[in-house]
Amino acid sequence: MNISTAHHTGLSPVMSIEDLQTFMEREFPQLGESFKIVSVSEGAAIMHLHADEQHLRPGGTVSGPSLFALADVAAYAAILGHIGPVALAVTTNLNINFLRKADP
């Protein structure tokens, strides 16, 4: 499962995918290997969540909390990609409206 955060800023990323991934693994070891950064570009980050049994709801769909965590971590990666390794950067607002389950 991938998620992209996109907003064109006119700024180029200052951290590479490798530097961001290393930073995330060092600062947030509790994430394990669940989240992987796929790309970081102008105003955007694309991440992958390895969704396993712990992320599923009854019926086999990925849970809302797991999807929200992916969105939050992707937003954090997009921000850090542009401002550098600032561990105390935070998300101040994030909203998701879950209207229906995803198609298989």
N, C-alpha and C. Protein backbone atom coordinates (compact mmCIF):
# COMPACT_ATOMS: atom_id res chain seq x y z
N MET A 1 0.85 -1.15 0.00
CA MET A 1 0.00 0.00 0.00
C MET A 1 0.90 1.22 0.00
N ASN A 2 0.63 2.18 -0.85
CA ASN A 2 1.41 3.40 -0.95
C ASN A 2 0.53 4.60 -0.67
N ILE A 3 1.15 5.66 -0.19
CA ILE A 3 0.44 6.93 -0.04
C ILE A 3 1.36 8.05 -0.48
N SER A 4 0.77 9.06 -1.07
CA SER A 4 1.53 10.21 -1.53
C SER A 4 0.97 11.46 -0.89
N THR A 5 1.87 12.33 -0.46
CA THR A 5 1.46 13.65 -0.03
C THR A 5 2.04 14.61 -1.05
N ALA A 6 1.24 15.47 -1.61
CA ALA A 6 1.75 16.34 -2.67
C ALA A 6 1.24 17.76 -2.50
N HIS A 7 2.18 18.67 -2.51
CA HIS A 7 1.88 20.10 -2.51
C HIS A 7 3.12 20.77 -3.09
N HIS A 8 2.98 21.44 -4.20
CA HIS A 8 4.15 22.02 -4.85
C HIS A 8 4.62 23.26 -4.11
N THR A 9 5.88 23.23 -3.70
CA THR A 9 6.46 24.31 -2.90
C THR A 9 7.47 25.13 -3.68
N GLY A 10 7.96 24.60 -4.79
CA GLY A 10 9.04 25.27 -5.50
C GLY A 10 10.39 24.97 -4.87
N LEU A 11 10.41 24.14 -3.84
CA LEU A 11 11.64 23.79 -3.15
C LEU A 11 12.03 22.37 -3.47
N SER A 12 13.32 22.15 -3.60
CA SER A 12 13.82 20.80 -3.83
C SER A 12 14.11 20.14 -2.49
N PRO A 13 13.94 18.83 -2.40
CA PRO A 13 14.26 18.13 -1.15
C PRO A 13 15.73 18.31 -0.78
N VAL A 14 16.00 18.35 0.52
CA VAL A 14 17.37 18.48 1.01
C VAL A 14 17.88 17.17 1.60
N MET A 15 17.02 16.16 1.70
CA MET A 15 17.42 14.85 2.19
C MET A 15 17.10 13.80 1.13
N SER A 16 18.02 12.85 0.97
CA SER A 16 17.79 11.75 0.03
C SER A 16 16.87 10.71 0.68
N ILE A 17 16.36 9.81 -0.13
CA ILE A 17 15.53 8.72 0.39
C ILE A 17 16.32 7.93 1.43
N GLU A 18 17.57 7.62 1.13
CA GLU A 18 18.40 6.83 2.04
C GLU A 18 18.61 7.56 3.36
N ASP A 19 18.90 8.88 3.30
CA ASP A 19 19.11 9.64 4.53
C ASP A 19 17.83 9.71 5.36
N LEU A 20 16.70 9.91 4.70
CA LEU A 20 15.41 9.94 5.41
C LEU A 20 15.10 8.60 6.06
N GLN A 21 15.30 7.51 5.32
CA GLN A 21 15.01 6.18 5.86
C GLN A 21 15.90 5.89 7.06
N THR A 22 17.18 6.23 6.96
CA THR A 22 18.11 6.02 8.07
C THR A 22 17.69 6.84 9.29
N PHE A 23 17.31 8.09 9.07
CA PHE A 23 16.85 8.96 10.15
C PHE A 23 15.61 8.38 10.83
N MET A 24 14.64 7.96 10.02
CA MET A 24 13.39 7.42 10.57
C MET A 24 13.67 6.15 11.39
N GLU A 25 14.52 5.28 10.88
CA GLU A 25 14.82 4.03 11.60
C GLU A 25 15.56 4.31 12.90
N ARG A 26 16.44 5.32 12.90
CA ARG A 26 17.19 5.67 14.10
C ARG A 26 16.29 6.35 15.14
N GLU A 27 15.48 7.31 14.72
CA GLU A 27 14.67 8.10 15.65
C GLU A 27 13.37 7.41 16.07
N PHE A 28 12.87 6.51 15.23
CA PHE A 28 11.60 5.84 15.51
C PHE A 28 11.74 4.33 15.32
N PRO A 29 12.57 3.68 16.15
CA PRO A 29 12.78 2.23 15.99
C PRO A 29 11.50 1.42 16.16
N GLN A 30 10.50 1.99 16.84
CA GLN A 30 9.24 1.28 17.05
C GLN A 30 8.49 1.05 15.74
N LEU A 31 8.83 1.80 14.69
CA LEU A 31 8.19 1.59 13.39
C LEU A 31 8.66 0.30 12.73
N GLY A 32 9.81 -0.21 13.19
CA GLY A 32 10.35 -1.42 12.58
C GLY A 32 10.59 -1.21 11.10
N GLU A 33 10.28 -2.23 10.34
CA GLU A 33 10.45 -2.14 8.89
C GLU A 33 9.11 -2.02 8.18
N SER A 34 8.09 -1.55 8.90
CA SER A 34 6.75 -1.45 8.32
C SER A 34 6.64 -0.36 7.27
N PHE A 35 7.35 0.77 7.47
CA PHE A 35 7.23 1.92 6.57
C PHE A 35 8.51 2.09 5.76
N LYS A 36 8.38 2.20 4.46
CA LYS A 36 9.52 2.42 3.57
C LYS A 36 9.24 3.64 2.71
N ILE A 37 10.24 4.49 2.57
CA ILE A 37 10.12 5.67 1.73
C ILE A 37 10.42 5.25 0.29
N VAL A 38 9.48 5.52 -0.61
CA VAL A 38 9.63 5.17 -2.02
C VAL A 38 10.24 6.32 -2.79
N SER A 39 9.76 7.54 -2.54
CA SER A 39 10.32 8.71 -3.21
C SER A 39 10.04 9.97 -2.40
N VAL A 40 10.89 10.95 -2.61
CA VAL A 40 10.70 12.29 -2.05
C VAL A 40 11.00 13.25 -3.18
N SER A 41 10.05 14.14 -3.44
CA SER A 41 10.22 15.11 -4.52
C SER A 41 9.63 16.44 -4.06
N GLU A 42 9.56 17.40 -4.95
CA GLU A 42 9.07 18.73 -4.60
C GLU A 42 7.70 18.65 -3.91
N GLY A 43 7.67 18.94 -2.62
CA GLY A 43 6.42 18.97 -1.87
C GLY A 43 5.75 17.63 -1.69
N ALA A 44 6.46 16.53 -1.88
CA ALA A 44 5.80 15.23 -1.84
C ALA A 44 6.68 14.13 -1.26
N ALA A 45 6.02 13.12 -0.74
CA ALA A 45 6.69 11.88 -0.33
C ALA A 45 5.74 10.74 -0.65
N ILE A 46 6.29 9.67 -1.16
CA ILE A 46 5.51 8.45 -1.39
C ILE A 46 6.12 7.39 -0.49
N MET A 47 5.25 6.75 0.30
CA MET A 47 5.70 5.73 1.23
C MET A 47 4.92 4.44 1.03
N HIS A 48 5.50 3.37 1.50
CA HIS A 48 4.89 2.04 1.42
C HIS A 48 4.73 1.51 2.84
N LEU A 49 3.56 0.97 3.13
CA LEU A 49 3.32 0.28 4.40
C LEU A 49 3.23 -1.20 4.10
N HIS A 50 4.09 -1.97 4.74
CA HIS A 50 3.98 -3.42 4.63
C HIS A 50 2.85 -3.84 5.58
N ALA A 51 1.65 -3.96 5.03
CA ALA A 51 0.47 -4.29 5.85
C ALA A 51 0.41 -5.79 6.07
N ASP A 52 0.61 -6.19 7.32
CA ASP A 52 0.49 -7.60 7.66
C ASP A 52 -0.71 -7.79 8.59
N GLU A 53 -0.79 -8.93 9.22
CA GLU A 53 -1.96 -9.30 10.04
C GLU A 53 -2.32 -8.24 11.08
N GLN A 54 -1.31 -7.60 11.67
CA GLN A 54 -1.59 -6.61 12.73
C GLN A 54 -2.29 -5.36 12.21
N HIS A 55 -2.27 -5.14 10.89
CA HIS A 55 -2.88 -3.95 10.29
C HIS A 55 -4.29 -4.21 9.75
N LEU A 56 -4.77 -5.44 9.85
CA LEU A 56 -6.04 -5.79 9.21
C LEU A 56 -7.22 -5.78 10.18
N ARG A 57 -8.36 -5.41 9.63
CA ARG A 57 -9.65 -5.49 10.32
C ARG A 57 -10.29 -6.83 9.96
N PRO A 58 -11.33 -7.21 10.68
CA PRO A 58 -12.08 -8.39 10.26
C PRO A 58 -12.55 -8.21 8.81
N GLY A 59 -12.42 -9.23 8.03
CA GLY A 59 -12.77 -9.15 6.61
C GLY A 59 -11.56 -8.88 5.73
N GLY A 60 -10.40 -8.60 6.35
CA GLY A 60 -9.17 -8.47 5.58
C GLY A 60 -8.85 -7.09 5.04
N THR A 61 -9.61 -6.06 5.41
CA THR A 61 -9.26 -4.71 4.94
C THR A 61 -8.27 -4.08 5.91
N VAL A 62 -7.45 -3.18 5.38
CA VAL A 62 -6.47 -2.48 6.22
C VAL A 62 -7.24 -1.52 7.13
N SER A 63 -6.87 -1.51 8.41
CA SER A 63 -7.59 -0.70 9.40
C SER A 63 -7.37 0.80 9.20
N GLY A 64 -8.35 1.57 9.63
CA GLY A 64 -8.24 3.03 9.58
C GLY A 64 -7.03 3.56 10.34
N PRO A 65 -6.76 3.08 11.56
CA PRO A 65 -5.58 3.56 12.27
C PRO A 65 -4.28 3.29 11.51
N SER A 66 -4.18 2.16 10.81
CA SER A 66 -2.98 1.88 10.02
C SER A 66 -2.87 2.83 8.84
N LEU A 67 -3.99 3.11 8.17
CA LEU A 67 -3.98 4.06 7.06
C LEU A 67 -3.63 5.46 7.54
N PHE A 68 -4.16 5.84 8.70
CA PHE A 68 -3.87 7.16 9.24
C PHE A 68 -2.39 7.27 9.62
N ALA A 69 -1.84 6.21 10.21
CA ALA A 69 -0.41 6.21 10.56
C ALA A 69 0.44 6.38 9.31
N LEU A 70 0.07 5.69 8.23
CA LEU A 70 0.80 5.82 6.97
C LEU A 70 0.75 7.26 6.46
N ALA A 71 -0.42 7.88 6.50
CA ALA A 71 -0.56 9.27 6.06
C ALA A 71 0.28 10.20 6.92
N ASP A 72 0.28 9.99 8.23
CA ASP A 72 1.04 10.84 9.14
C ASP A 72 2.54 10.70 8.91
N VAL A 73 3.02 9.48 8.77
CA VAL A 73 4.44 9.25 8.55
C VAL A 73 4.86 9.80 7.18
N ALA A 74 4.01 9.67 6.16
CA ALA A 74 4.31 10.22 4.84
C ALA A 74 4.39 11.74 4.88
N ALA A 75 3.48 12.38 5.61
CA ALA A 75 3.53 13.84 5.75
C ALA A 75 4.82 14.26 6.45
N TYR A 76 5.19 13.53 7.49
CA TYR A 76 6.43 13.79 8.22
C TYR A 76 7.64 13.65 7.30
N ALA A 77 7.66 12.59 6.48
CA ALA A 77 8.77 12.39 5.55
C ALA A 77 8.84 13.51 4.52
N ALA A 78 7.69 13.96 4.03
CA ALA A 78 7.68 15.06 3.05
C ALA A 78 8.24 16.33 3.68
N ILE A 79 7.85 16.60 4.91
CA ILE A 79 8.36 17.80 5.61
C ILE A 79 9.86 17.68 5.84
N LEU A 80 10.30 16.57 6.43
CA LEU A 80 11.72 16.40 6.70
C LEU A 80 12.55 16.41 5.44
N GLY A 81 12.00 15.88 4.36
CA GLY A 81 12.71 15.89 3.09
C GLY A 81 13.08 17.30 2.66
N HIS A 82 12.30 18.28 3.12
CA HIS A 82 12.52 19.67 2.72
C HIS A 82 13.19 20.53 3.79
N ILE A 83 13.05 20.18 5.07
CA ILE A 83 13.67 21.00 6.12
C ILE A 83 14.88 20.34 6.74
N GLY A 84 15.11 19.07 6.46
CA GLY A 84 16.23 18.35 7.04
C GLY A 84 15.81 17.57 8.27
N PRO A 85 16.79 16.91 8.91
CA PRO A 85 16.50 16.00 10.02
C PRO A 85 16.16 16.72 11.33
N VAL A 86 14.92 17.12 11.46
CA VAL A 86 14.43 17.81 12.66
C VAL A 86 13.46 16.86 13.37
N ALA A 87 13.96 16.13 14.35
CA ALA A 87 13.16 15.08 15.00
C ALA A 87 11.89 15.62 15.65
N LEU A 88 11.91 16.86 16.11
CA LEU A 88 10.75 17.39 16.83
C LEU A 88 9.75 18.11 15.94
N ALA A 89 9.87 17.99 14.63
CA ALA A 89 8.83 18.51 13.73
C ALA A 89 7.57 17.69 13.99
N VAL A 90 6.40 18.33 13.96
CA VAL A 90 5.16 17.63 14.28
C VAL A 90 4.08 17.94 13.25
N THR A 91 3.11 17.04 13.15
CA THR A 91 1.92 17.27 12.35
C THR A 91 0.94 18.05 13.22
N THR A 92 0.46 19.18 12.72
CA THR A 92 -0.49 19.97 13.51
C THR A 92 -1.94 19.69 13.13
N ASN A 93 -2.16 19.19 11.90
CA ASN A 93 -3.53 18.88 11.49
C ASN A 93 -3.48 17.86 10.36
N LEU A 94 -4.30 16.83 10.48
CA LEU A 94 -4.40 15.80 9.45
C LEU A 94 -5.80 15.22 9.56
N ASN A 95 -6.49 15.10 8.44
CA ASN A 95 -7.86 14.62 8.44
C ASN A 95 -8.06 13.62 7.31
N ILE A 96 -8.72 12.53 7.60
CA ILE A 96 -9.08 11.54 6.59
C ILE A 96 -10.55 11.19 6.79
N ASN A 97 -11.31 11.18 5.72
CA ASN A 97 -12.71 10.73 5.76
C ASN A 97 -12.77 9.36 5.09
N PHE A 98 -13.05 8.34 5.88
CA PHE A 98 -13.17 6.99 5.36
C PHE A 98 -14.62 6.77 4.93
N LEU A 99 -14.87 6.75 3.63
CA LEU A 99 -16.24 6.66 3.12
C LEU A 99 -16.68 5.24 2.83
N ARG A 100 -15.74 4.39 2.45
CA ARG A 100 -16.05 2.99 2.19
C ARG A 100 -14.75 2.20 2.20
N LYS A 101 -14.86 0.89 2.28
CA LYS A 101 -13.65 0.08 2.27
C LYS A 101 -13.06 0.07 0.87
N ALA A 102 -11.78 -0.17 0.82
CA ALA A 102 -11.08 -0.23 -0.47
C ALA A 102 -11.45 -1.49 -1.22
N ASP A 103 -11.39 -1.42 -2.54
CA ASP A 103 -11.60 -2.61 -3.35
C ASP A 103 -10.44 -3.57 -3.13
N PRO A 104 -10.69 -4.89 -3.25
CA PRO A 104 -9.61 -5.87 -3.06
C PRO A 104 -8.57 -5.78 -4.16
